[in-house]
Amino acid sequence: MKIIERVITFLSKLSAWISGIFVILMVLLITLEVAGRKFFGFSTLVSDEFSGYMLVLITFMGAAYTVKTEGFTRMEVIYLRSKGRGRWVLNFLIYLIALIFLVITDYWIWAFVLSSYRAEIRSISITQTPLFIPQIFMGVGVTLLVFEVSLQFSLSLLGRDRKG
């Protein structure tokens, strides 16, 4: 269990780093676009499209680390009032429902990515970006989220709370 926990922790932290790097890249791209238009009279023509792709990447790749560090919003009023077995049951139900939802979502996201790849769907912009490329990050992010929630669920079953 310790090895699995270390691997999932590493993957969650790696995805958070990737997400953070793309936040910086998105800021730089938007800054280049704004400065280029304002001061130099040129446009990258792709900043809008690529910023959208980066936003998807940032959101999905950061999700697993957000679960790991308990960054998602939850009903603290209910959670903080529960103690002992009540909190364990609450955690069990939350992780079970999340896991069921995420496994179904993960399946359909990967089906979506595969269909975009097979149909060779491209963006309608000047770049004609194959859309499966940014969509892959949705699948990877949700898969990592499934891993992290599975780990949290397993630790909850074992009676171990895990902090970031």
Protein backbone atom coordinates (compact mmCIF):
# COMPACT_ATOMS: atom_id res chain seq x y z
CA MET A 1 0.00 0.00 0.00
CA LYS A 2 2.88 2.37 0.77
CA ILE A 3 4.32 2.01 -2.76
CA ILE A 4 0.94 2.70 -4.36
CA GLU A 5 0.48 5.69 -2.07
CA ARG A 6 3.91 7.06 -3.05
CA VAL A 7 3.26 6.58 -6.77
CA ILE A 8 -0.13 8.30 -6.61
CA THR A 9 1.34 11.12 -4.51
CA PHE A 10 4.14 11.56 -7.05
CA LEU A 11 1.66 11.63 -9.95
CA SER A 12 -0.60 14.12 -8.15
CA LYS A 13 2.33 16.43 -7.40
CA LEU A 14 3.66 16.07 -10.95
CA SER A 15 0.28 16.97 -12.40
CA ALA A 16 0.12 19.99 -10.09
CA TRP A 17 3.54 21.12 -11.33
CA ILE A 18 2.45 20.67 -14.94
CA SER A 19 -0.67 22.68 -14.17
CA GLY A 20 1.41 25.43 -12.55
CA ILE A 21 3.81 25.61 -15.49
CA PHE A 22 0.87 26.03 -17.85
CA VAL A 23 -0.56 28.84 -15.69
CA ILE A 24 2.72 30.69 -16.27
CA LEU A 25 2.70 29.88 -20.00
CA MET A 26 -0.90 31.08 -20.31
CA VAL A 27 -0.07 34.35 -18.53
CA LEU A 28 2.93 34.85 -20.83
CA LEU A 29 0.88 34.12 -23.96
CA ILE A 30 -1.90 36.53 -22.95
CA THR A 31 0.67 39.18 -21.99
CA LEU A 32 2.37 38.76 -25.37
CA GLU A 33 -0.98 39.13 -27.12
CA VAL A 34 -1.99 42.24 -25.18
CA ALA A 35 1.43 43.90 -25.49
CA GLY A 36 1.70 42.95 -29.14
CA ARG A 37 -1.65 44.47 -29.99
CA LYS A 38 -1.25 47.58 -27.83
CA PHE A 39 2.35 48.55 -28.54
CA PHE A 40 3.45 46.79 -31.72
CA GLY A 41 0.28 46.33 -33.75
CA PHE A 42 0.51 42.54 -34.15
CA SER A 43 -1.45 39.56 -32.91
CA THR A 44 -0.40 35.98 -32.34
CA LEU A 45 -3.78 34.93 -33.79
CA VAL A 46 -3.73 31.87 -31.52
CA SER A 47 -3.68 33.24 -27.98
CA ASP A 48 -7.41 32.90 -27.52
CA GLU A 49 -7.50 29.29 -28.72
CA PHE A 50 -4.36 28.16 -26.92
CA SER A 51 -5.33 29.93 -23.69
CA GLY A 52 -8.57 27.95 -23.75
CA TYR A 53 -6.65 24.70 -24.19
CA MET A 54 -4.31 25.67 -21.36
CA LEU A 55 -7.25 26.50 -19.09
CA VAL A 56 -8.62 23.00 -19.64
CA LEU A 57 -5.18 21.51 -18.95
CA ILE A 58 -4.73 23.59 -15.78
CA THR A 59 -8.16 22.62 -14.45
CA PHE A 60 -8.01 18.90 -15.12
CA MET A 61 -4.34 18.36 -14.29
CA GLY A 62 -4.68 20.21 -10.98
CA ALA A 63 -7.72 18.26 -9.78
CA ALA A 64 -5.92 15.25 -8.25
CA TYR A 65 -3.60 17.44 -6.20
CA THR A 66 -6.60 19.49 -5.06
CA VAL A 67 -8.18 16.31 -3.66
CA LYS A 68 -4.87 15.29 -2.10
CA THR A 69 -4.59 18.60 -0.25
CA GLU A 70 -8.31 18.73 0.64
CA GLY A 71 -8.76 21.84 -1.50
CA PHE A 72 -12.22 21.05 -2.82
CA THR A 73 -15.17 22.76 -1.22
CA ARG A 74 -17.31 20.64 1.04
CA MET A 75 -20.04 21.10 3.58
CA GLU A 76 -17.82 21.94 6.55
CA VAL A 77 -20.84 22.52 8.78
CA ILE A 78 -21.85 18.87 8.45
CA TYR A 79 -18.33 17.48 8.25
CA LEU A 80 -17.01 19.28 11.34
CA ARG A 81 -19.99 18.20 13.44
CA SER A 82 -19.42 14.54 12.66
CA LYS A 83 -17.05 12.61 14.91
CA GLY A 84 -15.69 9.09 15.02
CA ARG A 85 -17.87 6.59 13.20
CA GLY A 86 -20.14 9.31 11.78
CA ARG A 87 -17.18 11.02 10.09
CA TRP A 88 -15.95 7.66 8.81
CA VAL A 89 -19.37 6.91 7.27
CA LEU A 90 -19.50 10.39 5.76
CA ASN A 91 -16.02 9.99 4.23
CA PHE A 92 -16.93 6.52 2.98
CA LEU A 93 -20.07 7.79 1.24
CA ILE A 94 -18.38 10.87 -0.23
CA TYR A 95 -15.48 8.87 -1.66
CA LEU A 96 -17.74 6.06 -2.89
CA ILE A 97 -20.08 8.43 -4.73
CA ALA A 98 -17.15 10.42 -6.12
CA LEU A 99 -15.42 7.25 -7.28
CA ILE A 100 -18.51 5.93 -9.07
CA PHE A 101 -19.06 9.28 -10.76
CA LEU A 102 -15.39 9.66 -11.74
CA VAL A 103 -15.02 6.15 -13.17
CA ILE A 104 -18.06 6.72 -15.40
CA THR A 105 -16.80 10.18 -16.37
CA ASP A 106 -13.32 8.84 -17.08
CA TYR A 107 -14.71 6.15 -19.38
CA TRP A 108 -16.74 8.64 -21.39
CA ILE A 109 -13.96 11.22 -21.61
CA TRP A 110 -11.59 8.62 -23.04
CA ALA A 111 -14.33 7.50 -25.46
CA PHE A 112 -14.69 11.15 -26.50
CA VAL A 113 -10.93 11.55 -27.01
CA LEU A 114 -10.77 8.35 -29.04
CA SER A 115 -13.70 9.41 -31.23
CA SER A 116 -12.05 12.81 -31.86
CA TYR A 117 -8.84 11.04 -32.81
CA ARG A 118 -10.51 8.53 -35.12
CA ALA A 119 -12.66 11.19 -36.82
CA GLU A 120 -9.61 13.48 -37.13
CA ILE A 121 -11.59 16.39 -35.68
CA ARG A 122 -9.72 19.67 -35.81
CA SER A 123 -10.32 23.16 -34.45
CA ILE A 124 -11.89 25.66 -36.81
CA SER A 125 -9.13 28.20 -36.14
CA ILE A 126 -6.12 29.05 -38.24
CA THR A 127 -4.02 26.37 -36.51
CA GLN A 128 -6.37 23.48 -37.30
CA THR A 129 -5.30 21.86 -34.01
CA PRO A 130 -6.26 18.18 -33.78
CA LEU A 131 -8.68 18.38 -30.85
CA PHE A 132 -7.71 15.04 -29.36
CA ILE A 133 -4.45 16.67 -28.20
CA PRO A 134 -5.99 19.09 -25.67
CA GLN A 135 -8.68 16.52 -24.89
CA ILE A 136 -6.03 14.02 -23.79
CA PHE A 137 -5.33 16.21 -20.78
CA MET A 138 -8.98 15.91 -19.73
CA GLY A 139 -8.62 12.12 -19.75
CA VAL A 140 -5.28 12.12 -17.98
CA GLY A 141 -6.55 14.56 -15.35
CA VAL A 142 -9.68 12.57 -14.58
CA THR A 143 -7.70 9.31 -14.53
CA LEU A 144 -5.31 10.83 -11.99
CA LEU A 145 -8.33 12.05 -10.05
CA VAL A 146 -9.71 8.48 -10.03
CA PHE A 147 -6.36 7.27 -8.66
CA GLU A 148 -6.29 9.92 -5.93
CA VAL A 149 -9.93 9.39 -4.89
CA SER A 150 -9.34 5.61 -4.91
CA LEU A 151 -6.39 6.10 -2.60
CA GLN A 152 -8.40 8.40 -0.32
CA PHE A 153 -11.24 5.86 -0.31
CA SER A 154 -8.84 3.01 0.55
CA LEU A 155 -7.20 5.01 3.34
CA SER A 156 -10.64 5.90 4.66
CA LEU A 157 -11.59 2.20 4.73
CA LEU A 158 -8.38 1.49 6.64
CA GLY A 159 -9.18 4.27 9.10
CA ARG A 160 -6.22 6.39 8.03
CA ASP A 161 -6.69 10.05 7.22
CA ARG A 162 -4.24 11.49 4.76
CA LYS A 163 -3.14 15.07 4.69
CA GLY A 164 -1.43 16.90 1.79
